[in-house]
Amino acid sequence: GKSKPCITYGLRGLAYFQLTVQGCEQDLHSGVLGGAVHEGMTDLVKLMSTLVDSNGKILVDGVMDTVKPVTPEEEALYESIEFDVDEFKKENSVNALQNDKKSLLMARWRYPTLSLHGIEGAFSGKGAKTVIPAKCIGKFSMRLVPDQDPREIEKLVVAHVEREFAKLNSPNKMSIEMMHGAKSWLSDPKHPNYEAAAKAIETVYGVRPDYSREGGSIPITPALEDATGMNVLLLPIGASDDMA
């Protein structure tokens, strides 16, 4: 919300992938060779469609296996958070998949997601161009939650894509790599440091802060906690509607 400060105790991690399909050595003209070649773009679009469905469900086997169930104690933390679903949808100009506060916040903060970002190498300019791209590269990423290791997620995603590509019986060349990965971070909001921060915020603002998690990734946060062995907390300064 906009009227209460918050303390952040969790962030999602990240695994960013690029998926490449190459069908030929140079771009081709669809009027000359369309129908005579196995087009790489068709393979790429098919492969990317196997990763996630239109409701946001991740279709890669094994990804959800290490996601911990919600405990009553965790669920209670969402009850008092100031958050208006309708205002959220209006500010972001979106139609949300969830229409209640708790489900929407959990989807943003404590569950993994998979997003398709774009395709490199394809025609994307204005107007019309009847090109068959020689090589196209799909970009997608996953936001990870506690107990999901980026390297283990990489193995699952690579196995999934290789399995799906084999089903196509395509003569094209396919490769996939994880460009970078970052672990998630989750601290204990019951730690004395959090209580001290909450009291300080209450002294300044006259209200107890909300305890929140965020869907983005700040890799230095778990790195600091691992390196020092100390508790870390985040005190957000930006506005809740700054789209950061």
C-alpha atoms as a PDB file:
ATOM      1  CA  GLY A   1       0.000   0.000   0.000  1.00  0.00           C
ATOM      2  CA  LYS A   2       0.855   3.687  -0.111  1.00  0.00           C
ATOM      3  CA  SER A   3       0.113   4.757   3.439  1.00  0.00           C
ATOM      4  CA  LYS A   4       2.139   2.288   5.536  1.00  0.00           C
ATOM      5  CA  PRO A   5       5.892   1.633   5.512  1.00  0.00           C
ATOM      6  CA  CYS A   6       7.123  -1.935   5.269  1.00  0.00           C
ATOM      7  CA  ILE A   7      10.060  -4.172   6.092  1.00  0.00           C
ATOM      8  CA  THR A   8      11.091  -6.696   3.455  1.00  0.00           C
ATOM      9  CA  TYR A   9      12.160 -10.160   4.588  1.00  0.00           C
ATOM     10  CA  GLY A  10      12.245 -12.102   1.311  1.00  0.00           C
ATOM     11  CA  LEU A  11      13.172 -11.879  -2.371  1.00  0.00           C
ATOM     12  CA  ARG A  12      12.834 -14.306  -5.243  1.00  0.00           C
ATOM     13  CA  GLY A  13      15.848 -15.591  -7.133  1.00  0.00           C
ATOM     14  CA  LEU A  14      16.391 -15.733 -10.887  1.00  0.00           C
ATOM     15  CA  ALA A  15      17.334 -18.126 -13.669  1.00  0.00           C
ATOM     16  CA  TYR A  16      17.599 -16.448 -17.088  1.00  0.00           C
ATOM     17  CA  PHE A  17      17.778 -18.578 -20.242  1.00  0.00           C
ATOM     18  CA  GLN A  18      18.330 -18.182 -23.940  1.00  0.00           C
ATOM     19  CA  LEU A  19      17.041 -20.826 -26.323  1.00  0.00           C
ATOM     20  CA  THR A  20      18.551 -20.875 -29.818  1.00  0.00           C
ATOM     21  CA  VAL A  21      17.256 -22.603 -32.941  1.00  0.00           C
ATOM     22  CA  GLN A  22      19.217 -22.395 -36.189  1.00  0.00           C
ATOM     23  CA  GLY A  23      17.744 -23.648 -39.441  1.00  0.00           C
ATOM     24  CA  CYS A  24      20.136 -22.316 -42.070  1.00  0.00           C
ATOM     25  CA  GLU A  25      23.252 -20.204 -42.573  1.00  0.00           C
ATOM     26  CA  GLN A  26      21.519 -17.055 -43.836  1.00  0.00           C
ATOM     27  CA  ASP A  27      18.085 -15.443 -43.777  1.00  0.00           C
ATOM     28  CA  LEU A  28      15.768 -16.726 -46.485  1.00  0.00           C
ATOM     29  CA  HIS A  29      12.859 -15.315 -48.517  1.00  0.00           C
ATOM     30  CA  SER A  30       9.516 -16.943 -47.676  1.00  0.00           C
ATOM     31  CA  GLY A  31       8.346 -16.523 -51.266  1.00  0.00           C
ATOM     32  CA  VAL A  32      11.345 -18.434 -52.593  1.00  0.00           C
ATOM     33  CA  LEU A  33      11.907 -21.077 -49.913  1.00  0.00           C
ATOM     34  CA  GLY A  34       8.759 -21.053 -47.781  1.00  0.00           C
ATOM     35  CA  GLY A  35       7.403 -24.599 -47.692  1.00  0.00           C
ATOM     36  CA  ALA A  36      10.722 -26.057 -48.826  1.00  0.00           C
ATOM     37  CA  VAL A  37      12.621 -25.688 -45.533  1.00  0.00           C
ATOM     38  CA  HIS A  38      12.028 -26.564 -41.904  1.00  0.00           C
ATOM     39  CA  GLU A  39      11.760 -23.087 -40.376  1.00  0.00           C
ATOM     40  CA  GLY A  40      13.610 -22.467 -37.125  1.00  0.00           C
ATOM     41  CA  MET A  41      11.115 -19.885 -35.889  1.00  0.00           C
ATOM     42  CA  THR A  42       8.345 -22.485 -35.932  1.00  0.00           C
ATOM     43  CA  ASP A  43      10.448 -24.785 -33.747  1.00  0.00           C
ATOM     44  CA  LEU A  44      11.310 -21.971 -31.349  1.00  0.00           C
ATOM     45  CA  VAL A  45       7.725 -20.808 -30.885  1.00  0.00           C
ATOM     46  CA  LYS A  46       6.627 -24.393 -30.318  1.00  0.00           C
ATOM     47  CA  LEU A  47       9.324 -24.974 -27.702  1.00  0.00           C
ATOM     48  CA  MET A  48       8.579 -21.761 -25.829  1.00  0.00           C
ATOM     49  CA  SER A  49       4.889 -22.647 -25.747  1.00  0.00           C
ATOM     50  CA  THR A  50       5.741 -25.796 -23.757  1.00  0.00           C
ATOM     51  CA  LEU A  51       7.272 -23.843 -20.874  1.00  0.00           C
ATOM     52  CA  VAL A  52       4.247 -22.071 -19.383  1.00  0.00           C
ATOM     53  CA  ASP A  53       0.521 -21.887 -20.061  1.00  0.00           C
ATOM     54  CA  SER A  54      -1.662 -18.787 -20.452  1.00  0.00           C
ATOM     55  CA  ASN A  55      -2.642 -18.915 -16.772  1.00  0.00           C
ATOM     56  CA  GLY A  56       0.971 -18.738 -15.641  1.00  0.00           C
ATOM     57  CA  LYS A  57       1.302 -22.429 -14.726  1.00  0.00           C
ATOM     58  CA  ILE A  58       4.887 -23.632 -15.182  1.00  0.00           C
ATOM     59  CA  LEU A  59       4.896 -26.749 -17.379  1.00  0.00           C
ATOM     60  CA  VAL A  60       8.465 -27.894 -16.676  1.00  0.00           C
ATOM     61  CA  ASP A  61       8.418 -31.154 -14.716  1.00  0.00           C
ATOM     62  CA  GLY A  62       9.985 -31.031 -11.265  1.00  0.00           C
ATOM     63  CA  VAL A  63      10.124 -27.259 -10.864  1.00  0.00           C
ATOM     64  CA  MET A  64       7.421 -27.154  -8.181  1.00  0.00           C
ATOM     65  CA  ASP A  65       8.706 -30.184  -6.240  1.00  0.00           C
ATOM     66  CA  THR A  66      10.841 -28.172  -3.808  1.00  0.00           C
ATOM     67  CA  VAL A  67       8.347 -25.348  -3.202  1.00  0.00           C
ATOM     68  CA  LYS A  68       7.359 -25.481   0.447  1.00  0.00           C
ATOM     69  CA  PRO A  69       3.651 -25.460   1.337  1.00  0.00           C
ATOM     70  CA  VAL A  70       2.225 -22.385   3.016  1.00  0.00           C
ATOM     71  CA  THR A  71       2.168 -22.666   6.816  1.00  0.00           C
ATOM     72  CA  PRO A  72      -0.579 -21.111   8.967  1.00  0.00           C
ATOM     73  CA  GLU A  73       2.030 -18.795  10.487  1.00  0.00           C
ATOM     74  CA  GLU A  74       3.145 -17.558   7.072  1.00  0.00           C
ATOM     75  CA  GLU A  75      -0.416 -17.182   5.856  1.00  0.00           C
ATOM     76  CA  ALA A  76      -1.232 -14.998   8.858  1.00  0.00           C
ATOM     77  CA  LEU A  77       1.429 -12.494   7.795  1.00  0.00           C
ATOM     78  CA  TYR A  78      -0.650 -11.640   4.716  1.00  0.00           C
ATOM     79  CA  GLU A  79      -3.814 -10.851   6.654  1.00  0.00           C
ATOM     80  CA  SER A  80      -2.742  -7.466   8.007  1.00  0.00           C
ATOM     81  CA  ILE A  81      -0.876  -6.219   4.923  1.00  0.00           C
ATOM     82  CA  GLU A  82      -2.407  -3.080   3.500  1.00  0.00           C
ATOM     83  CA  PHE A  83      -3.050  -3.850  -0.159  1.00  0.00           C
ATOM     84  CA  ASP A  84      -5.940  -2.989  -2.471  1.00  0.00           C
ATOM     85  CA  VAL A  85      -6.284  -5.386  -5.413  1.00  0.00           C
ATOM     86  CA  ASP A  86      -8.437  -3.048  -7.526  1.00  0.00           C
ATOM     87  CA  GLU A  87      -6.047  -0.143  -6.991  1.00  0.00           C
ATOM     88  CA  PHE A  88      -3.121  -2.416  -7.888  1.00  0.00           C
ATOM     89  CA  LYS A  89      -4.747  -3.432 -11.173  1.00  0.00           C
ATOM     90  CA  LYS A  90      -5.608   0.168 -12.016  1.00  0.00           C
ATOM     91  CA  GLU A  91      -2.120   1.528 -11.245  1.00  0.00           C
ATOM     92  CA  ASN A  92      -0.404  -1.158 -13.317  1.00  0.00           C
ATOM     93  CA  SER A  93      -3.051  -1.247 -16.077  1.00  0.00           C
ATOM     94  CA  VAL A  94      -3.311  -5.034 -15.818  1.00  0.00           C
ATOM     95  CA  ASN A  95      -5.876  -7.780 -15.499  1.00  0.00           C
ATOM     96  CA  ALA A  96      -4.585  -9.857 -12.614  1.00  0.00           C
ATOM     97  CA  LEU A  97      -4.775 -13.650 -12.562  1.00  0.00           C
ATOM     98  CA  GLN A  98      -5.877 -13.493  -8.911  1.00  0.00           C
ATOM     99  CA  ASN A  99      -8.611 -11.299  -7.524  1.00  0.00           C
ATOM    100  CA  ASP A 100      -8.023 -11.609  -3.794  1.00  0.00           C
ATOM    101  CA  LYS A 101      -5.219  -9.984  -1.823  1.00  0.00           C
ATOM    102  CA  LYS A 102      -3.634 -13.081  -0.338  1.00  0.00           C
ATOM    103  CA  SER A 103      -3.500 -15.094  -3.572  1.00  0.00           C
ATOM    104  CA  LEU A 104      -2.161 -12.167  -5.588  1.00  0.00           C
ATOM    105  CA  LEU A 105       0.602 -11.336  -3.113  1.00  0.00           C
ATOM    106  CA  MET A 106       1.626 -14.983  -2.812  1.00  0.00           C
ATOM    107  CA  ALA A 107       1.796 -15.252  -6.593  1.00  0.00           C
ATOM    108  CA  ARG A 108       4.069 -12.215  -6.687  1.00  0.00           C
ATOM    109  CA  TRP A 109       6.252 -13.084  -3.705  1.00  0.00           C
ATOM    110  CA  ARG A 110       6.396 -16.730  -2.642  1.00  0.00           C
ATOM    111  CA  TYR A 111       5.747 -18.857  -5.725  1.00  0.00           C
ATOM    112  CA  PRO A 112       8.044 -19.334  -8.751  1.00  0.00           C
ATOM    113  CA  THR A 113       7.090 -17.907 -12.129  1.00  0.00           C
ATOM    114  CA  LEU A 114       8.222 -18.309 -15.719  1.00  0.00           C
ATOM    115  CA  SER A 115       8.052 -15.359 -18.126  1.00  0.00           C
ATOM    116  CA  LEU A 116       8.716 -15.219 -21.873  1.00  0.00           C
ATOM    117  CA  HIS A 117      10.611 -12.017 -22.723  1.00  0.00           C
ATOM    118  CA  GLY A 118      11.256 -11.889 -26.440  1.00  0.00           C
ATOM    119  CA  ILE A 119      12.860 -13.298 -29.570  1.00  0.00           C
ATOM    120  CA  GLU A 120      16.180 -12.101 -30.977  1.00  0.00           C
ATOM    121  CA  GLY A 121      17.004 -12.514 -34.648  1.00  0.00           C
ATOM    122  CA  ALA A 122      13.423 -12.346 -35.890  1.00  0.00           C
ATOM    123  CA  PHE A 123      11.915  -9.480 -37.846  1.00  0.00           C
ATOM    124  CA  SER A 124      10.442  -7.035 -35.331  1.00  0.00           C
ATOM    125  CA  GLY A 125      10.424  -3.694 -37.111  1.00  0.00           C
ATOM    126  CA  LYS A 126       7.506  -1.748 -38.509  1.00  0.00           C
ATOM    127  CA  GLY A 127       5.892  -2.769 -41.750  1.00  0.00           C
ATOM    128  CA  ALA A 128       6.137  -6.136 -43.464  1.00  0.00           C
ATOM    129  CA  LYS A 129       9.174  -8.241 -44.241  1.00  0.00           C
ATOM    130  CA  THR A 130       8.815 -11.782 -45.548  1.00  0.00           C
ATOM    131  CA  VAL A 131      11.982 -13.146 -44.013  1.00  0.00           C
ATOM    132  CA  ILE A 132      12.626 -16.655 -42.742  1.00  0.00           C
ATOM    133  CA  PRO A 133      15.262 -16.025 -40.042  1.00  0.00           C
ATOM    134  CA  ALA A 134      18.344 -18.220 -40.197  1.00  0.00           C
ATOM    135  CA  LYS A 135      18.714 -18.220 -36.420  1.00  0.00           C
ATOM    136  CA  CYS A 136      16.348 -17.086 -33.715  1.00  0.00           C
ATOM    137  CA  ILE A 137      16.950 -16.847 -29.976  1.00  0.00           C
ATOM    138  CA  GLY A 138      14.162 -16.939 -27.416  1.00  0.00           C
ATOM    139  CA  LYS A 139      14.683 -15.242 -24.044  1.00  0.00           C
ATOM    140  CA  PHE A 140      12.848 -16.359 -20.918  1.00  0.00           C
ATOM    141  CA  SER A 141      13.435 -16.408 -17.197  1.00  0.00           C
ATOM    142  CA  MET A 142      12.160 -17.911 -13.989  1.00  0.00           C
ATOM    143  CA  ARG A 143      11.795 -16.260 -10.616  1.00  0.00           C
ATOM    144  CA  LEU A 144      12.851 -18.726  -7.953  1.00  0.00           C
ATOM    145  CA  VAL A 145      11.832 -19.230  -4.336  1.00  0.00           C
ATOM    146  CA  PRO A 146      13.611 -20.737  -1.305  1.00  0.00           C
ATOM    147  CA  ASP A 147      14.914 -24.303  -1.787  1.00  0.00           C
ATOM    148  CA  GLN A 148      15.124 -23.808  -5.564  1.00  0.00           C
ATOM    149  CA  ASP A 149      18.778 -23.843  -6.592  1.00  0.00           C
ATOM    150  CA  PRO A 150      19.453 -22.112  -9.946  1.00  0.00           C
ATOM    151  CA  ARG A 151      21.731 -24.948 -11.110  1.00  0.00           C
ATOM    152  CA  GLU A 152      19.139 -27.590 -10.324  1.00  0.00           C
ATOM    153  CA  ILE A 153      16.489 -25.543 -12.106  1.00  0.00           C
ATOM    154  CA  GLU A 154      18.849 -25.287 -15.085  1.00  0.00           C
ATOM    155  CA  LYS A 155      19.042 -29.094 -15.279  1.00  0.00           C
ATOM    156  CA  LEU A 156      15.242 -29.409 -15.221  1.00  0.00           C
ATOM    157  CA  VAL A 157      14.703 -26.747 -17.891  1.00  0.00           C
ATOM    158  CA  VAL A 158      17.403 -28.099 -20.206  1.00  0.00           C
ATOM    159  CA  ALA A 159      16.024 -31.646 -19.898  1.00  0.00           C
ATOM    160  CA  HIS A 160      12.505 -30.378 -20.640  1.00  0.00           C
ATOM    161  CA  VAL A 161      13.537 -28.425 -23.737  1.00  0.00           C
ATOM    162  CA  GLU A 162      15.666 -31.268 -25.096  1.00  0.00           C
ATOM    163  CA  ARG A 163      12.789 -33.689 -24.583  1.00  0.00           C
ATOM    164  CA  GLU A 164      10.303 -31.402 -26.330  1.00  0.00           C
ATOM    165  CA  PHE A 165      12.699 -30.687 -29.201  1.00  0.00           C
ATOM    166  CA  ALA A 166      13.168 -34.416 -29.788  1.00  0.00           C
ATOM    167  CA  LYS A 167       9.409 -34.728 -30.278  1.00  0.00           C
ATOM    168  CA  LEU A 168       9.581 -32.313 -33.236  1.00  0.00           C
ATOM    169  CA  ASN A 169      11.882 -34.570 -35.272  1.00  0.00           C
ATOM    170  CA  SER A 170      13.433 -31.378 -36.571  1.00  0.00           C
ATOM    171  CA  PRO A 171      16.641 -31.249 -38.652  1.00  0.00           C
ATOM    172  CA  ASN A 172      17.419 -27.845 -37.142  1.00  0.00           C
ATOM    173  CA  LYS A 173      20.066 -27.200 -34.506  1.00  0.00           C
ATOM    174  CA  MET A 174      18.923 -26.322 -30.976  1.00  0.00           C
ATOM    175  CA  SER A 175      20.870 -25.159 -27.949  1.00  0.00           C
ATOM    176  CA  ILE A 176      19.889 -23.739 -24.577  1.00  0.00           C
ATOM    177  CA  GLU A 177      21.926 -22.088 -21.861  1.00  0.00           C
ATOM    178  CA  MET A 178      21.319 -20.350 -18.568  1.00  0.00           C
ATOM    179  CA  MET A 179      22.797 -16.887 -18.971  1.00  0.00           C
ATOM    180  CA  HIS A 180      22.795 -16.136 -15.253  1.00  0.00           C
ATOM    181  CA  GLY A 181      21.219 -17.302 -12.039  1.00  0.00           C
ATOM    182  CA  ALA A 182      20.707 -15.944  -8.531  1.00  0.00           C
ATOM    183  CA  LYS A 183      19.449 -17.566  -5.362  1.00  0.00           C
ATOM    184  CA  SER A 184      16.362 -16.354  -3.536  1.00  0.00           C
ATOM    185  CA  TRP A 185      16.534 -14.878  -0.044  1.00  0.00           C
ATOM    186  CA  LEU A 186      14.253 -15.420   2.930  1.00  0.00           C
ATOM    187  CA  SER A 187      14.906 -14.147   6.417  1.00  0.00           C
ATOM    188  CA  ASP A 188      13.046 -14.559   9.717  1.00  0.00           C
ATOM    189  CA  PRO A 189      10.636 -11.684  10.410  1.00  0.00           C
ATOM    190  CA  LYS A 190      10.541 -12.808  14.066  1.00  0.00           C
ATOM    191  CA  HIS A 191      14.251 -12.034  14.478  1.00  0.00           C
ATOM    192  CA  PRO A 192      15.064  -9.324  17.049  1.00  0.00           C
ATOM    193  CA  ASN A 193      16.525  -7.129  14.304  1.00  0.00           C
ATOM    194  CA  TYR A 194      13.106  -6.994  12.628  1.00  0.00           C
ATOM    195  CA  GLU A 195      11.399  -6.082  15.883  1.00  0.00           C
ATOM    196  CA  ALA A 196      13.952  -3.318  16.461  1.00  0.00           C
ATOM    197  CA  ALA A 197      13.357  -1.976  12.959  1.00  0.00           C
ATOM    198  CA  ALA A 198       9.583  -2.148  13.414  1.00  0.00           C
ATOM    199  CA  LYS A 199       9.808  -0.162  16.661  1.00  0.00           C
ATOM    200  CA  ALA A 200      11.992   2.469  14.983  1.00  0.00           C
ATOM    201  CA  ILE A 201       9.538   2.809  12.097  1.00  0.00           C
ATOM    202  CA  GLU A 202       6.617   3.065  14.521  1.00  0.00           C
ATOM    203  CA  THR A 203       8.434   5.806  16.424  1.00  0.00           C
ATOM    204  CA  VAL A 204       8.930   7.846  13.251  1.00  0.00           C
ATOM    205  CA  TYR A 205       5.673   7.157  11.385  1.00  0.00           C
ATOM    206  CA  GLY A 206       3.312   6.320  14.226  1.00  0.00           C
ATOM    207  CA  VAL A 207       2.257   3.006  12.728  1.00  0.00           C
ATOM    208  CA  ARG A 208       3.548  -0.572  12.758  1.00  0.00           C
ATOM    209  CA  PRO A 209       5.042  -1.535   9.366  1.00  0.00           C
ATOM    210  CA  ASP A 210       3.838  -4.345   7.142  1.00  0.00           C
ATOM    211  CA  TYR A 211       6.148  -7.321   6.701  1.00  0.00           C
ATOM    212  CA  SER A 212       6.512  -7.966   2.987  1.00  0.00           C
ATOM    213  CA  ARG A 213       8.381 -10.059   0.488  1.00  0.00           C
ATOM    214  CA  GLU A 214       9.200  -8.920  -3.054  1.00  0.00           C
ATOM    215  CA  GLY A 215       9.125 -10.729  -6.367  1.00  0.00           C
ATOM    216  CA  GLY A 216      12.347  -9.269  -7.729  1.00  0.00           C
ATOM    217  CA  SER A 217      15.942 -10.322  -7.125  1.00  0.00           C
ATOM    218  CA  ILE A 218      18.820  -8.577  -5.320  1.00  0.00           C
ATOM    219  CA  PRO A 219      21.621 -11.164  -5.398  1.00  0.00           C
ATOM    220  CA  ILE A 220      23.867  -9.218  -3.006  1.00  0.00           C
ATOM    221  CA  THR A 221      21.342  -9.747  -0.193  1.00  0.00           C
ATOM    222  CA  PRO A 222      21.779 -13.511   0.309  1.00  0.00           C
ATOM    223  CA  ALA A 223      25.483 -13.103  -0.507  1.00  0.00           C
ATOM    224  CA  LEU A 224      25.879 -10.700   2.420  1.00  0.00           C
ATOM    225  CA  GLU A 225      23.969 -13.011   4.740  1.00  0.00           C
ATOM    226  CA  ASP A 226      26.048 -16.024   3.691  1.00  0.00           C
ATOM    227  CA  ALA A 227      29.341 -14.135   3.953  1.00  0.00           C
ATOM    228  CA  THR A 228      28.704 -12.584   7.360  1.00  0.00           C
ATOM    229  CA  GLY A 229      26.486 -15.189   8.997  1.00  0.00           C
ATOM    230  CA  MET A 230      24.366 -12.268  10.168  1.00  0.00           C
ATOM    231  CA  ASN A 231      20.696 -11.466   9.776  1.00  0.00           C
ATOM    232  CA  VAL A 232      19.804  -9.116   6.915  1.00  0.00           C
ATOM    233  CA  LEU A 233      16.680  -6.997   6.506  1.00  0.00           C
ATOM    234  CA  LEU A 234      15.614  -4.543   3.831  1.00  0.00           C
ATOM    235  CA  LEU A 235      14.129  -1.139   4.582  1.00  0.00           C
ATOM    236  CA  PRO A 236      12.435   0.006   1.335  1.00  0.00           C
ATOM    237  CA  ILE A 237      12.709   3.716   0.531  1.00  0.00           C
ATOM    238  CA  GLY A 238      10.986   3.933  -2.864  1.00  0.00           C
ATOM    239  CA  ALA A 239       7.240   4.311  -3.358  1.00  0.00           C
ATOM    240  CA  SER A 240       5.046   1.242  -3.772  1.00  0.00           C
ATOM    241  CA  ASP A 241       3.869   2.461  -7.190  1.00  0.00           C
ATOM    242  CA  ASP A 242       7.253   3.404  -8.711  1.00  0.00           C
ATOM    243  CA  MET A 243       7.179   0.279 -10.958  1.00  0.00           C
ATOM    244  CA  ALA A 244      10.699  -0.716  -9.790  1.00  0.00           C
END
